Amino acid sequence: MEKIDFKPIGLIHSPFKKPRNMPIQPVGAKGVKGTVEIYPEFRDGLHDLDGFSHIILIFHFHLSKDYSLQVKPFLEDKIRGVFATRAPRRPNQIGLSIVRLEKIENNILFITNVDIVDDTPLLDIKPFVPKFDCFDIDDGVKYGWLKNRVEKSDKHRSDERFLK
């Protein structure tokens, strides 16, 4: 199989210098401010992004150096398959987070609800569009093993279990 290489387009900055005690999802990071520094050669790609209230950040879990196919996720004491979790120790260490876009100044995006460690390499940005990205609960959406755990997700904080 061919190797795929990604080039970061910028860096995500947040108040979280280490993963320990960070929110584990944007819902637990309400009001947390950060910035996204887009490298100058990618600045033109920001054109028209300021019309969106929320954006999807796709990033590299750069502190996760290995992966496990079976993990113990934050909201569970049971071992789960990594693809049934949002754990950062993944075969391709790709993460995503939906954040509020407050404003753009030159090549800097000002964001809130950031749950990402400082200096995380940014791979891509996509506009968040509820009509495209959200599904009506009446459409048969299932939460899997998280069904009875999502209500408390804003209270959970990370530890260092996924850095090994």
Protein backbone atom coordinates (compact mmCIF):
# COMPACT_ATOMS: atom_id res chain seq x y z
CA MET A 1 0.00 0.00 0.00
CA GLU A 2 1.15 3.50 -0.82
CA LYS A 3 2.21 5.78 2.04
CA ILE A 4 0.19 8.97 2.47
CA ASP A 5 1.98 12.11 3.65
CA PHE A 6 0.21 15.17 5.04
CA LYS A 7 1.66 18.65 5.32
CA PRO A 8 0.32 20.77 8.19
CA ILE A 9 -1.36 24.00 7.10
CA GLY A 10 -0.93 25.64 10.48
CA LEU A 11 -0.89 25.25 14.26
CA ILE A 12 -3.71 25.21 16.80
CA HIS A 13 -3.01 27.21 19.95
CA SER A 14 -4.87 26.65 23.21
CA PRO A 15 -4.36 27.13 26.94
CA PHE A 16 -3.74 23.38 27.31
CA LYS A 17 0.01 22.82 27.39
CA LYS A 18 -0.35 19.10 28.24
CA PRO A 19 -3.18 16.61 27.68
CA ARG A 20 -3.80 15.94 31.38
CA ASN A 21 -7.04 17.55 32.64
CA MET A 22 -8.10 18.84 29.22
CA PRO A 23 -11.73 18.58 28.15
CA ILE A 24 -12.20 15.40 26.13
CA GLN A 25 -14.71 16.91 23.68
CA PRO A 26 -15.67 20.47 22.62
CA VAL A 27 -18.85 20.18 24.73
CA GLY A 28 -16.61 20.19 27.82
CA ALA A 29 -14.60 23.16 26.53
CA LYS A 30 -17.40 25.73 26.35
CA GLY A 31 -15.92 29.20 26.40
CA VAL A 32 -12.29 28.03 26.16
CA LYS A 33 -10.51 30.37 23.77
CA GLY A 34 -7.77 29.56 21.33
CA THR A 35 -6.34 30.56 17.99
CA VAL A 36 -5.42 28.83 14.79
CA GLU A 37 -2.33 30.11 13.02
CA ILE A 38 -2.52 29.40 9.31
CA TYR A 39 0.83 29.31 7.56
CA PRO A 40 1.21 32.22 5.09
CA GLU A 41 1.22 30.01 1.98
CA PHE A 42 -2.30 28.77 2.89
CA ARG A 43 -3.80 32.15 3.85
CA ASP A 44 -5.72 32.58 0.57
CA GLY A 45 -7.67 29.46 1.44
CA LEU A 46 -9.38 31.38 4.26
CA HIS A 47 -11.35 33.50 1.77
CA ASP A 48 -15.10 33.37 2.67
CA LEU A 49 -14.56 31.28 5.81
CA ASP A 50 -15.58 34.26 7.96
CA GLY A 51 -19.22 33.70 6.95
CA PHE A 52 -19.41 30.53 9.07
CA SER A 53 -20.04 30.46 12.82
CA HIS A 54 -18.43 27.03 13.34
CA ILE A 55 -15.63 25.14 11.65
CA ILE A 56 -14.32 21.60 11.70
CA LEU A 57 -10.63 21.35 12.52
CA ILE A 58 -8.88 18.22 11.30
CA PHE A 59 -5.60 17.76 13.08
CA HIS A 60 -2.75 15.39 13.93
CA PHE A 61 -2.62 13.85 17.42
CA HIS A 62 1.10 14.65 17.44
CA LEU A 63 1.67 13.55 21.05
CA SER A 64 0.31 10.06 20.38
CA LYS A 65 3.24 8.05 19.06
CA ASP A 66 1.70 4.61 18.82
CA TYR A 67 -1.71 3.00 18.54
CA SER A 68 -3.81 0.29 20.10
CA LEU A 69 -6.71 -1.46 18.43
CA GLN A 70 -8.29 -2.06 21.84
CA VAL A 71 -8.52 0.90 24.24
CA LYS A 72 -10.17 1.88 27.50
CA PRO A 73 -11.99 5.12 26.59
CA PHE A 74 -12.57 8.03 28.97
CA LEU A 75 -16.27 7.37 29.51
CA GLU A 76 -15.93 3.63 30.08
CA ASP A 77 -14.13 1.08 32.21
CA LYS A 78 -14.48 -1.60 29.56
CA ILE A 79 -12.07 -2.23 26.69
CA ARG A 80 -13.47 -1.10 23.32
CA GLY A 81 -12.29 -1.25 19.71
CA VAL A 82 -10.45 1.96 18.83
CA PHE A 83 -12.78 2.61 15.88
CA ALA A 84 -15.75 2.65 18.27
CA THR A 85 -14.06 5.46 20.26
CA ARG A 86 -12.60 8.91 19.75
CA ALA A 87 -9.31 7.92 21.36
CA PRO A 88 -6.17 9.63 19.99
CA ARG A 89 -4.04 6.44 19.90
CA ARG A 90 -5.23 5.49 16.42
CA PRO A 91 -3.43 3.94 13.45
CA ASN A 92 -3.43 7.34 11.70
CA GLN A 93 -3.67 9.69 14.74
CA ILE A 94 -6.16 12.01 13.02
CA GLY A 95 -8.51 14.05 15.17
CA LEU A 96 -11.38 16.38 14.49
CA SER A 97 -13.10 19.02 16.54
CA ILE A 98 -15.94 21.43 15.84
CA VAL A 99 -15.21 24.88 17.26
CA ARG A 100 -16.86 28.30 17.11
CA LEU A 101 -15.15 30.72 14.75
CA GLU A 102 -15.20 34.17 16.39
CA LYS A 103 -13.20 36.16 13.84
CA ILE A 104 -10.33 36.04 11.39
CA GLU A 105 -7.47 38.55 11.38
CA ASN A 106 -4.98 38.03 8.57
CA ASN A 107 -3.86 34.42 8.99
CA ILE A 108 -5.13 33.98 12.58
CA LEU A 109 -8.49 32.39 13.39
CA PHE A 110 -9.90 33.20 16.81
CA ILE A 111 -11.91 30.25 18.13
CA THR A 112 -13.80 29.13 21.23
CA ASN A 113 -14.77 25.74 22.63
CA VAL A 114 -11.31 24.37 21.87
CA ASP A 115 -10.44 20.94 23.33
CA ILE A 116 -7.06 20.55 21.64
CA VAL A 117 -3.57 20.64 23.14
CA ASP A 118 -1.41 23.70 22.34
CA ASP A 119 0.79 23.59 19.22
CA THR A 120 -1.20 20.80 17.56
CA PRO A 121 -0.52 20.57 13.80
CA LEU A 122 -3.59 21.48 11.73
CA LEU A 123 -4.21 19.35 8.63
CA ASP A 124 -7.40 20.89 7.25
CA ILE A 125 -10.41 23.11 7.94
CA LYS A 126 -13.96 22.57 6.75
CA PRO A 127 -17.02 24.70 7.39
CA PHE A 128 -19.55 23.16 9.78
CA VAL A 129 -23.00 23.12 8.18
CA PRO A 130 -25.74 21.59 10.37
CA LYS A 131 -27.87 20.57 7.37
CA PHE A 132 -24.90 18.56 6.07
CA ASP A 133 -23.23 17.47 9.30
CA CYS A 134 -26.09 16.71 11.71
CA PHE A 135 -28.67 14.01 11.47
CA ASP A 136 -32.17 14.16 12.84
CA ILE A 137 -32.53 11.88 15.86
CA ASP A 138 -35.73 10.56 14.27
CA ASP A 139 -33.54 9.28 11.44
CA GLY A 140 -32.44 6.30 13.53
CA VAL A 141 -29.19 7.67 14.97
CA LYS A 142 -27.64 5.25 17.49
CA TYR A 143 -25.05 6.08 20.15
CA GLY A 144 -23.64 2.57 20.55
CA TRP A 145 -21.92 1.95 23.88
CA LEU A 146 -22.03 5.72 24.58
CA LYS A 147 -25.84 5.76 24.77
CA ASN A 148 -26.03 6.37 28.53
CA ARG A 149 -22.73 8.25 28.84
CA VAL A 150 -22.97 11.30 26.56
CA GLU A 151 -24.94 13.32 29.10
CA LYS A 152 -21.88 13.53 31.40
CA SER A 153 -19.29 14.08 28.67
CA ASP A 154 -18.92 17.81 29.38
CA LYS A 155 -17.65 17.02 32.89
CA HIS A 156 -14.87 14.58 31.94
CA ARG A 157 -11.23 15.57 31.60
CA SER A 158 -8.37 13.75 29.94
CA ASP A 159 -5.49 11.94 31.53
CA GLU A 160 -2.34 10.56 29.94
CA ARG A 161 -3.59 7.10 29.01
CA PHE A 162 -3.29 7.71 25.28
CA LEU A 163 0.24 9.08 25.22
CA LYS A 164 1.97 5.76 25.76
